[in-house]
PDB file of N, CA and C in Angstrom:
ATOM      1  N   MET A   1     110.037  81.686 104.596  1.00  0.00           N
ATOM      2  CA  MET A   1     109.344  81.924 105.255  1.00  0.00           C
ATOM      3  C   MET A   1     109.694  82.507 106.555  1.00  0.00           C
ATOM      4  N   TYR A   2     110.901  82.317 106.566  1.00  0.00           N
ATOM      5  CA  TYR A   2     111.483  83.381 107.954  1.00  0.00           C
ATOM      6  C   TYR A   2     111.076  84.724 108.021  1.00  0.00           C
ATOM      7  N   GLY A   3     110.377  85.136 109.321  1.00  0.00           N
ATOM      8  CA  GLY A   3     110.114  85.907 109.389  1.00  0.00           C
ATOM      9  C   GLY A   3     108.140  86.358 109.549  1.00  0.00           C
ATOM     10  N   ASN A   4     107.980  85.776 108.170  1.00  0.00           N
ATOM     11  CA  ASN A   4     106.476  85.977 107.784  1.00  0.00           C
ATOM     12  C   ASN A   4     105.738  85.414 109.310  1.00  0.00           C
ATOM     13  N   ASN A   5     104.527  85.770 108.971  1.00  0.00           N
ATOM     14  CA  ASN A   5     103.359  85.580 110.220  1.00  0.00           C
ATOM     15  C   ASN A   5     101.903  84.719 109.058  1.00  0.00           C
ATOM     16  N   PHE A   6     101.421  84.601 109.923  1.00  0.00           N
ATOM     17  CA  PHE A   6      99.974  84.149 109.483  1.00  0.00           C
ATOM     18  C   PHE A   6      98.580  84.684 110.332  1.00  0.00           C
ATOM     19  N   PRO A   7      97.728  86.034 109.977  1.00  0.00           N
ATOM     20  CA  PRO A   7      97.591  86.625 110.761  1.00  0.00           C
ATOM     21  C   PRO A   7      96.017  85.551 111.194  1.00  0.00           C
ATOM     22  N   ASP A   8      95.796  84.905 110.482  1.00  0.00           N
ATOM     23  CA  ASP A   8      94.403  84.211 110.706  1.00  0.00           C
ATOM     24  C   ASP A   8      94.633  82.792 111.443  1.00  0.00           C
ATOM     25  N   VAL A   9      96.151  82.295 111.657  1.00  0.00           N
ATOM     26  CA  VAL A   9      96.219  81.305 112.742  1.00  0.00           C
ATOM     27  C   VAL A   9      96.726  81.582 113.968  1.00  0.00           C
ATOM     28  N   THR A  10      95.550  81.471 114.893  1.00  0.00           N
ATOM     29  CA  THR A  10      95.683  81.862 116.771  1.00  0.00           C
ATOM     30  C   THR A  10      95.454  80.525 117.449  1.00  0.00           C
ATOM     31  N   GLU A  11      95.600  79.528 116.799  1.00  0.00           N
ATOM     32  CA  GLU A  11      95.215  78.198 117.492  1.00  0.00           C
ATOM     33  C   GLU A  11      96.485  77.133 116.839  1.00  0.00           C
ATOM     34  N   ARG A  12      97.250  76.661 118.420  1.00  0.00           N
ATOM     35  CA  ARG A  12      97.880  75.569 118.068  1.00  0.00           C
ATOM     36  C   ARG A  12      97.877  74.603 117.166  1.00  0.00           C
ATOM     37  N   GLN A  13      96.699  73.977 116.951  1.00  0.00           N
ATOM     38  CA  GLN A  13      96.575  72.943 116.485  1.00  0.00           C
ATOM     39  C   GLN A  13      96.670  73.170 114.667  1.00  0.00           C
ATOM     40  N   VAL A  14      96.017  74.659 114.353  1.00  0.00           N
ATOM     41  CA  VAL A  14      96.177  74.759 113.244  1.00  0.00           C
ATOM     42  C   VAL A  14      97.680  75.558 112.940  1.00  0.00           C
ATOM     43  N   THR A  15      98.607  75.543 113.634  1.00  0.00           N
ATOM     44  CA  THR A  15      99.518  75.714 113.778  1.00  0.00           C
ATOM     45  C   THR A  15     100.576  74.072 113.341  1.00  0.00           C
ATOM     46  N   VAL A  16     100.164  73.054 113.834  1.00  0.00           N
ATOM     47  CA  VAL A  16     100.540  71.713 113.566  1.00  0.00           C
ATOM     48  C   VAL A  16     100.494  71.863 112.015  1.00  0.00           C
ATOM     49  N   LYS A  17      99.212  71.828 112.037  1.00  0.00           N
ATOM     50  CA  LYS A  17      98.784  71.628 110.464  1.00  0.00           C
ATOM     51  C   LYS A  17      99.739  71.938 109.645  1.00  0.00           C
ATOM     52  N   ILE A  18     100.090  73.083 109.661  1.00  0.00           N
ATOM     53  CA  ILE A  18     100.439  74.159 108.712  1.00  0.00           C
ATOM     54  C   ILE A  18     102.204  73.709 108.478  1.00  0.00           C
ATOM     55  N   PHE A  19     102.640  73.035 109.735  1.00  0.00           N
ATOM     56  CA  PHE A  19     103.699  72.747 109.970  1.00  0.00           C
ATOM     57  C   PHE A  19     103.944  71.466 109.448  1.00  0.00           C
ATOM     58  N   LYS A  20     102.987  70.584 109.475  1.00  0.00           N
ATOM     59  CA  LYS A  20     102.947  69.230 108.487  1.00  0.00           C
ATOM     60  C   LYS A  20     102.935  69.479 107.536  1.00  0.00           C
ATOM     61  N   ARG A  21     101.997  70.210 106.804  1.00  0.00           N
ATOM     62  CA  ARG A  21     102.339  70.506 105.483  1.00  0.00           C
ATOM     63  C   ARG A  21     103.428  70.757 105.033  1.00  0.00           C
ATOM     64  N   ILE A  22     103.920  71.705 105.300  1.00  0.00           N
ATOM     65  CA  ILE A  22     105.076  72.417 104.922  1.00  0.00           C
ATOM     66  C   ILE A  22     106.395  71.207 105.401  1.00  0.00           C
ATOM     67  N   PHE A  23     106.219  70.669 106.052  1.00  0.00           N
ATOM     68  CA  PHE A  23     107.627  69.430 106.221  1.00  0.00           C
ATOM     69  C   PHE A  23     107.354  68.093 105.229  1.00  0.00           C
ATOM     70  N   GLU A  24     105.665  67.806 105.174  1.00  0.00           N
ATOM     71  CA  GLU A  24     105.728  66.970 104.058  1.00  0.00           C
ATOM     72  C   GLU A  24     105.910  67.087 102.483  1.00  0.00           C
ATOM     73  N   ASN A  25     105.689  68.397 102.386  1.00  0.00           N
ATOM     74  CA  ASN A  25     106.441  69.082 101.180  1.00  0.00           C
ATOM     75  C   ASN A  25     107.771  68.981 100.804  1.00  0.00           C
ATOM     76  N   ILE A  26     108.271  69.688 101.706  1.00  0.00           N
ATOM     77  CA  ILE A  26     110.129  69.866 101.825  1.00  0.00           C
ATOM     78  C   ILE A  26     110.189  67.906 101.491  1.00  0.00           C
ATOM     79  N   GLU A  27     109.925  67.268 102.246  1.00  0.00           N
ATOM     80  CA  GLU A  27     110.316  65.885 101.794  1.00  0.00           C
ATOM     81  C   GLU A  27     110.107  65.409 100.580  1.00  0.00           C
ATOM     82  N   LYS A  28     109.228  65.830  99.797  1.00  0.00           N
ATOM     83  CA  LYS A  28     109.190  65.788  98.293  1.00  0.00           C
ATOM     84  C   LYS A  28     110.464  66.038  97.119  1.00  0.00           C
ATOM     85  N   ILE A  29     111.180  67.178  97.969  1.00  0.00           N
ATOM     86  CA  ILE A  29     112.000  67.500  97.069  1.00  0.00           C
ATOM     87  C   ILE A  29     113.189  67.034  96.867  1.00  0.00           C
ATOM     88  N   GLU A  30     113.569  66.627  95.448  1.00  0.00           N
ATOM     89  CA  GLU A  30     115.052  65.960  95.695  1.00  0.00           C
ATOM     90  C   GLU A  30     115.596  66.771  94.415  1.00  0.00           C
ATOM     91  N   ILE A  31     116.850  67.169  95.343  1.00  0.00           N
ATOM     92  CA  ILE A  31     117.729  68.053  94.343  1.00  0.00           C
ATOM     93  C   ILE A  31     119.032  67.262  93.848  1.00  0.00           C
ATOM     94  N   LYS A  32     119.504  66.579  92.856  1.00  0.00           N
ATOM     95  CA  LYS A  32     120.724  65.966  92.454  1.00  0.00           C
ATOM     96  C   LYS A  32     121.557  66.360  93.197  1.00  0.00           C
ATOM     97  N   ALA A  33     121.993  67.794  92.975  1.00  0.00           N
ATOM     98  CA  ALA A  33     123.257  68.112  93.275  1.00  0.00           C
ATOM     99  C   ALA A  33     123.516  67.597  94.898  1.00  0.00           C
ATOM    100  N   LEU A  34     122.429  67.297  95.547  1.00  0.00           N
ATOM    101  CA  LEU A  34     122.510  66.509  97.044  1.00  0.00           C
ATOM    102  C   LEU A  34     123.101  65.428  97.257  1.00  0.00           C
ATOM    103  N   GLY A  35     123.387  64.697  96.151  1.00  0.00           N
ATOM    104  CA  GLY A  35     123.940  63.191  96.029  1.00  0.00           C
ATOM    105  C   GLY A  35     122.746  62.310  97.208  1.00  0.00           C
ATOM    106  N   GLY A  36     121.122  62.649  96.893  1.00  0.00           N
ATOM    107  CA  GLY A  36     120.551  61.375  97.809  1.00  0.00           C
ATOM    108  C   GLY A  36     120.229  62.094  99.176  1.00  0.00           C
ATOM    109  N   ARG A  37     121.031  63.565  99.847  1.00  0.00           N
ATOM    110  CA  ARG A  37     120.936  63.880 101.061  1.00  0.00           C
ATOM    111  C   ARG A  37     119.487  64.681 100.817  1.00  0.00           C
ATOM    112  N   LYS A  38     118.471  64.620 102.203  1.00  0.00           N
ATOM    113  CA  LYS A  38     117.438  65.000 101.927  1.00  0.00           C
ATOM    114  C   LYS A  38     117.572  66.533 102.629  1.00  0.00           C
ATOM    115  N   ILE A  39     116.779  67.333 102.378  1.00  0.00           N
ATOM    116  CA  ILE A  39     116.540  68.775 103.022  1.00  0.00           C
ATOM    117  C   ILE A  39     115.625  68.044 104.102  1.00  0.00           C
ATOM    118  N   ILE A  40     116.548  69.229 105.350  1.00  0.00           N
ATOM    119  CA  ILE A  40     115.764  68.971 106.818  1.00  0.00           C
ATOM    120  C   ILE A  40     115.337  70.288 107.337  1.00  0.00           C
ATOM    121  N   LEU A  41     114.473  70.546 108.128  1.00  0.00           N
ATOM    122  CA  LEU A  41     113.961  72.008 108.493  1.00  0.00           C
ATOM    123  C   LEU A  41     113.700  72.156 109.824  1.00  0.00           C
ATOM    124  N   SER A  42     113.970  73.165 110.181  1.00  0.00           N
ATOM    125  CA  SER A  42     113.825  73.478 111.897  1.00  0.00           C
ATOM    126  C   SER A  42     112.595  74.883 111.909  1.00  0.00           C
ATOM    127  N   LEU A  43     111.664  74.736 112.708  1.00  0.00           N
ATOM    128  CA  LEU A  43     110.856  75.832 112.160  1.00  0.00           C
ATOM    129  C   LEU A  43     110.616  76.511 114.069  1.00  0.00           C
ATOM    130  N   GLY A  44     109.996  77.283 113.990  1.00  0.00           N
ATOM    131  CA  GLY A  44     109.724  78.101 115.362  1.00  0.00           C
ATOM    132  C   GLY A  44     108.300  79.107 115.125  1.00  0.00           C
ATOM    133  N   ALA A  45     107.745  78.973 116.008  1.00  0.00           N
ATOM    134  CA  ALA A  45     106.438  80.002 115.899  1.00  0.00           C
ATOM    135  C   ALA A  45     105.787  80.477 117.143  1.00  0.00           C
ATOM    136  N   CYS A  46     105.568  81.385 117.224  1.00  0.00           N
ATOM    137  CA  CYS A  46     105.166  81.797 118.571  1.00  0.00           C
ATOM    138  C   CYS A  46     103.348  82.831 118.185  1.00  0.00           C
ATOM    139  N   ILE A  47     102.571  82.001 118.813  1.00  0.00           N
ATOM    140  CA  ILE A  47     100.862  82.303 118.696  1.00  0.00           C
ATOM    141  C   ILE A  47     100.609  83.648 119.263  1.00  0.00           C
ATOM    142  N   TYR A  48      99.920  84.498 118.594  1.00  0.00           N
ATOM    143  CA  TYR A  48      99.632  85.984 119.439  1.00  0.00           C
ATOM    144  C   TYR A  48      97.947  85.951 118.836  1.00  0.00           C
ATOM    145  N   ASP A  49      97.252  86.066 119.678  1.00  0.00           N
ATOM    146  CA  ASP A  49      95.741  86.110 119.293  1.00  0.00           C
ATOM    147  C   ASP A  49      95.157  87.833 118.850  1.00  0.00           C
ATOM    148  N   GLY A  50      96.027  88.856 119.019  1.00  0.00           N
ATOM    149  CA  GLY A  50      95.794  89.745 118.839  1.00  0.00           C
ATOM    150  C   GLY A  50      95.541  90.803 119.779  1.00  0.00           C
ATOM    151  N   THR A  51      95.366  90.294 120.961  1.00  0.00           N
ATOM    152  CA  THR A  51      94.888  91.198 122.357  1.00  0.00           C
ATOM    153  C   THR A  51      96.162  91.402 122.989  1.00  0.00           C
ATOM    154  N   GLY A  52      96.274  92.484 123.823  1.00  0.00           N
ATOM    155  CA  GLY A  52      97.386  92.581 124.090  1.00  0.00           C
ATOM    156  C   GLY A  52      98.594  93.844 123.554  1.00  0.00           C
ATOM    157  N   ASP A  53      99.151  94.398 124.600  1.00  0.00           N
ATOM    158  CA  ASP A  53     100.300  95.315 124.121  1.00  0.00           C
ATOM    159  C   ASP A  53     101.440  94.637 123.648  1.00  0.00           C
ATOM    160  N   ILE A  54     101.668  93.906 122.762  1.00  0.00           N
ATOM    161  CA  ILE A  54     103.225  93.124 122.909  1.00  0.00           C
ATOM    162  C   ILE A  54     103.372  93.313 121.099  1.00  0.00           C
ATOM    163  N   SER A  55     104.797  93.824 121.244  1.00  0.00           N
ATOM    164  CA  SER A  55     105.557  94.693 120.007  1.00  0.00           C
ATOM    165  C   SER A  55     105.948  93.196 119.203  1.00  0.00           C
ATOM    166  N   TYR A  56     106.364  93.733 117.725  1.00  0.00           N
ATOM    167  CA  TYR A  56     106.590  92.560 117.026  1.00  0.00           C
ATOM    168  C   TYR A  56     108.130  91.912 117.197  1.00  0.00           C
ATOM    169  N   ASP A  57     108.378  92.726 117.579  1.00  0.00           N
ATOM    170  CA  ASP A  57     110.225  92.737 118.215  1.00  0.00           C
ATOM    171  C   ASP A  57     110.101  91.299 119.187  1.00  0.00           C
ATOM    172  N   THR A  58     109.145  91.319 120.044  1.00  0.00           N
ATOM    173  CA  THR A  58     108.918  90.635 121.068  1.00  0.00           C
ATOM    174  C   THR A  58     108.205  89.253 120.683  1.00  0.00           C
ATOM    175  N   LEU A  59     107.608  89.413 119.677  1.00  0.00           N
ATOM    176  CA  LEU A  59     106.896  88.010 119.320  1.00  0.00           C
ATOM    177  C   LEU A  59     108.026  87.090 118.273  1.00  0.00           C
ATOM    178  N   TYR A  60     108.502  88.116 117.762  1.00  0.00           N
ATOM    179  CA  TYR A  60     109.908  87.303 116.800  1.00  0.00           C
ATOM    180  C   TYR A  60     110.740  86.834 117.684  1.00  0.00           C
ATOM    181  N   SER A  61     110.967  87.722 118.593  1.00  0.00           N
ATOM    182  CA  SER A  61     112.292  87.001 119.436  1.00  0.00           C
ATOM    183  C   SER A  61     111.648  85.238 120.203  1.00  0.00           C
ATOM    184  N   LYS A  62     110.426  85.631 120.463  1.00  0.00           N
ATOM    185  CA  LYS A  62     110.222  84.476 120.828  1.00  0.00           C
ATOM    186  C   LYS A  62     109.664  83.377 120.152  1.00  0.00           C
ATOM    187  N   ALA A  63     109.373  83.523 118.586  1.00  0.00           N
ATOM    188  CA  ALA A  63     109.322  82.255 117.721  1.00  0.00           C
ATOM    189  C   ALA A  63     110.620  82.288 117.218  1.00  0.00           C
ATOM    190  N   ASP A  64     111.767  83.183 117.442  1.00  0.00           N
ATOM    191  CA  ASP A  64     112.952  83.078 116.986  1.00  0.00           C
ATOM    192  C   ASP A  64     113.618  81.635 118.063  1.00  0.00           C
ATOM    193  N   ALA A  65     113.449  82.249 119.367  1.00  0.00           N
ATOM    194  CA  ALA A  65     113.661  80.940 120.562  1.00  0.00           C
ATOM    195  C   ALA A  65     113.477  79.699 120.275  1.00  0.00           C
ATOM    196  N   ALA A  66     111.919  79.853 120.140  1.00  0.00           N
ATOM    197  CA  ALA A  66     111.404  78.414 119.495  1.00  0.00           C
ATOM    198  C   ALA A  66     112.266  77.700 118.314  1.00  0.00           C
ATOM    199  N   MET A  67     112.061  78.166 118.006  1.00  0.00           N
ATOM    200  CA  MET A  67     113.201  77.742 116.114  1.00  0.00           C
ATOM    201  C   MET A  67     114.441  77.076 116.549  1.00  0.00           C
ATOM    202  N   TYR A  68     115.438  77.859 117.710  1.00  0.00           N
ATOM    203  CA  TYR A  68     116.630  77.298 118.104  1.00  0.00           C
ATOM    204  C   TYR A  68     116.427  76.094 118.678  1.00  0.00           C
ATOM    205  N   ARG A  69     114.925  75.944 119.660  1.00  0.00           N
ATOM    206  CA  ARG A  69     114.805  74.828 120.342  1.00  0.00           C
ATOM    207  C   ARG A  69     114.522  73.811 119.045  1.00  0.00           C
ATOM    208  N   SER A  70     113.915  73.921 118.095  1.00  0.00           N
ATOM    209  CA  SER A  70     113.717  72.989 117.636  1.00  0.00           C
ATOM    210  C   SER A  70     115.599  72.591 116.566  1.00  0.00           C
ATOM    211  N   LYS A  71     116.095  73.599 116.321  1.00  0.00           N
ATOM    212  CA  LYS A  71     117.263  73.225 116.232  1.00  0.00           C
ATOM    213  C   LYS A  71     118.057  71.886 116.703  1.00  0.00           C
ATOM    214  N   LYS A  72     118.087  72.070 118.120  1.00  0.00           N
ATOM    215  CA  LYS A  72     118.502  71.014 118.916  1.00  0.00           C
ATOM    216  C   LYS A  72     118.283  69.403 118.853  1.00  0.00           C
ATOM    217  N   GLN A  73     116.937  69.408 118.068  1.00  0.00           N
ATOM    218  CA  GLN A  73     116.991  67.921 117.441  1.00  0.00           C
ATOM    219  C   GLN A  73     117.080  67.872 115.972  1.00  0.00           C
ATOM    220  N   GLN A  74     116.641  66.189 115.959  1.00  0.00           N
ATOM    221  CA  GLN A  74     117.654  65.920 114.655  1.00  0.00           C
ATOM    222  C   GLN A  74     116.253  65.964 113.684  1.00  0.00           C
ATOM    223  N   GLY A  75     116.431  66.018 112.321  1.00  0.00           N
ATOM    224  CA  GLY A  75     115.475  65.881 111.779  1.00  0.00           C
ATOM    225  C   GLY A  75     114.599  66.821 111.677  1.00  0.00           C
ATOM    226  N   PHE A  76     113.481  66.622 110.682  1.00  0.00           N
ATOM    227  CA  PHE A  76     112.350  67.849 110.973  1.00  0.00           C
ATOM    228  C   PHE A  76     111.708  68.240 112.283  1.00  0.00           C
ATOM    229  N   CYS A  77     111.644  69.452 112.927  1.00  0.00           N
ATOM    230  CA  CYS A  77     111.290  69.287 113.884  1.00  0.00           C
ATOM    231  C   CYS A  77     110.306  71.133 114.097  1.00  0.00           C
ATOM    232  N   ALA A  78     109.520  71.451 114.843  1.00  0.00           N
ATOM    233  CA  ALA A  78     108.759  72.881 114.673  1.00  0.00           C
ATOM    234  C   ALA A  78     108.774  72.922 116.035  1.00  0.00           C
ATOM    235  N   THR A  79     109.141  74.055 117.040  1.00  0.00           N
ATOM    236  CA  THR A  79     108.227  74.198 118.144  1.00  0.00           C
ATOM    237  C   THR A  79     107.607  75.356 118.123  1.00  0.00           C
ATOM    238  N   VAL A  80     106.566  75.113 119.324  1.00  0.00           N
ATOM    239  CA  VAL A  80     105.742  76.555 119.381  1.00  0.00           C
ATOM    240  C   VAL A  80     106.043  77.357 120.335  1.00  0.00           C
ATOM    241  N   HIS A  81     106.435  78.140 120.551  1.00  0.00           N
ATOM    242  CA  HIS A  81     106.428  79.024 122.053  1.00  0.00           C
ATOM    243  C   HIS A  81     105.621  78.972 122.863  1.00  0.00           C
ATOM    244  N   GLY A  82     105.908  78.474 124.178  1.00  0.00           N
ATOM    245  CA  GLY A  82     105.050  78.092 125.433  1.00  0.00           C
ATOM    246  C   GLY A  82     104.292  76.827 125.314  1.00  0.00           C
ATOM    247  N   ALA A  83     104.561  76.248 123.988  1.00  0.00           N
ATOM    248  CA  ALA A  83     103.693  74.904 124.169  1.00  0.00           C
ATOM    249  C   ALA A  83     104.822  74.080 125.350  1.00  0.00           C
ATOM    250  N   ALA A  84     103.932  73.040 125.660  1.00  0.00           N
ATOM    251  CA  ALA A  84     104.665  72.247 126.537  1.00  0.00           C
ATOM    252  C   ALA A  84     105.415  71.089 125.945  1.00  0.00           C
ATOM    253  N   ASP A  85     105.105  70.704 124.619  1.00  0.00           N
ATOM    254  CA  ASP A  85     105.582  69.939 123.936  1.00  0.00           C
ATOM    255  C   ASP A  85     105.954  70.786 122.365  1.00  0.00           C
ATOM    256  N   GLU A  86     107.078  69.926 121.870  1.00  0.00           N
ATOM    257  CA  GLU A  86     107.570  70.084 120.720  1.00  0.00           C
ATOM    258  C   GLU A  86     106.761  69.207 119.575  1.00  0.00           C
ATOM    259  N   VAL A  87     106.788  69.677 118.274  1.00  0.00           N
ATOM    260  CA  VAL A  87     106.123  68.697 117.779  1.00  0.00           C
ATOM    261  C   VAL A  87     107.247  68.190 116.631  1.00  0.00           C
ATOM    262  N   PHE A  88     107.089  67.121 116.712  1.00  0.00           N
ATOM    263  CA  PHE A  88     108.648  66.325 115.758  1.00  0.00           C
ATOM    264  C   PHE A  88     107.602  65.521 114.663  1.00  0.00           C
ATOM    265  N   ILE A  89     108.400  65.707 113.361  1.00  0.00           N
ATOM    266  CA  ILE A  89     107.285  65.136 112.321  1.00  0.00           C
ATOM    267  C   ILE A  89     108.413  64.100 111.345  1.00  0.00           C
ATOM    268  N   PRO A  90     108.274  62.850 111.294  1.00  0.00           N
ATOM    269  CA  PRO A  90     109.632  62.006 111.201  1.00  0.00           C
ATOM    270  C   PRO A  90     109.728  62.371 109.272  1.00  0.00           C
TER     271      PRO A  90
END
């Protein structure tokens, strides 16, 4: 999903639900070659309501920065750019 967008998602709560669903599905994946280790995922997002003149590159940069904040955490983590808190999913 790297670089993808969800054009109908303009609220943080919806974004959190999408992240949780992704994390829950990733947790179910078992790859024999990993020897019992699990896949973990770091996600970042930027919510844009369609108003204002903001370039795709600017939005992408904000989402990318949020993803790198997530990578600093252990385990599953998703960060929404500009949000006061991060979303941690066990």
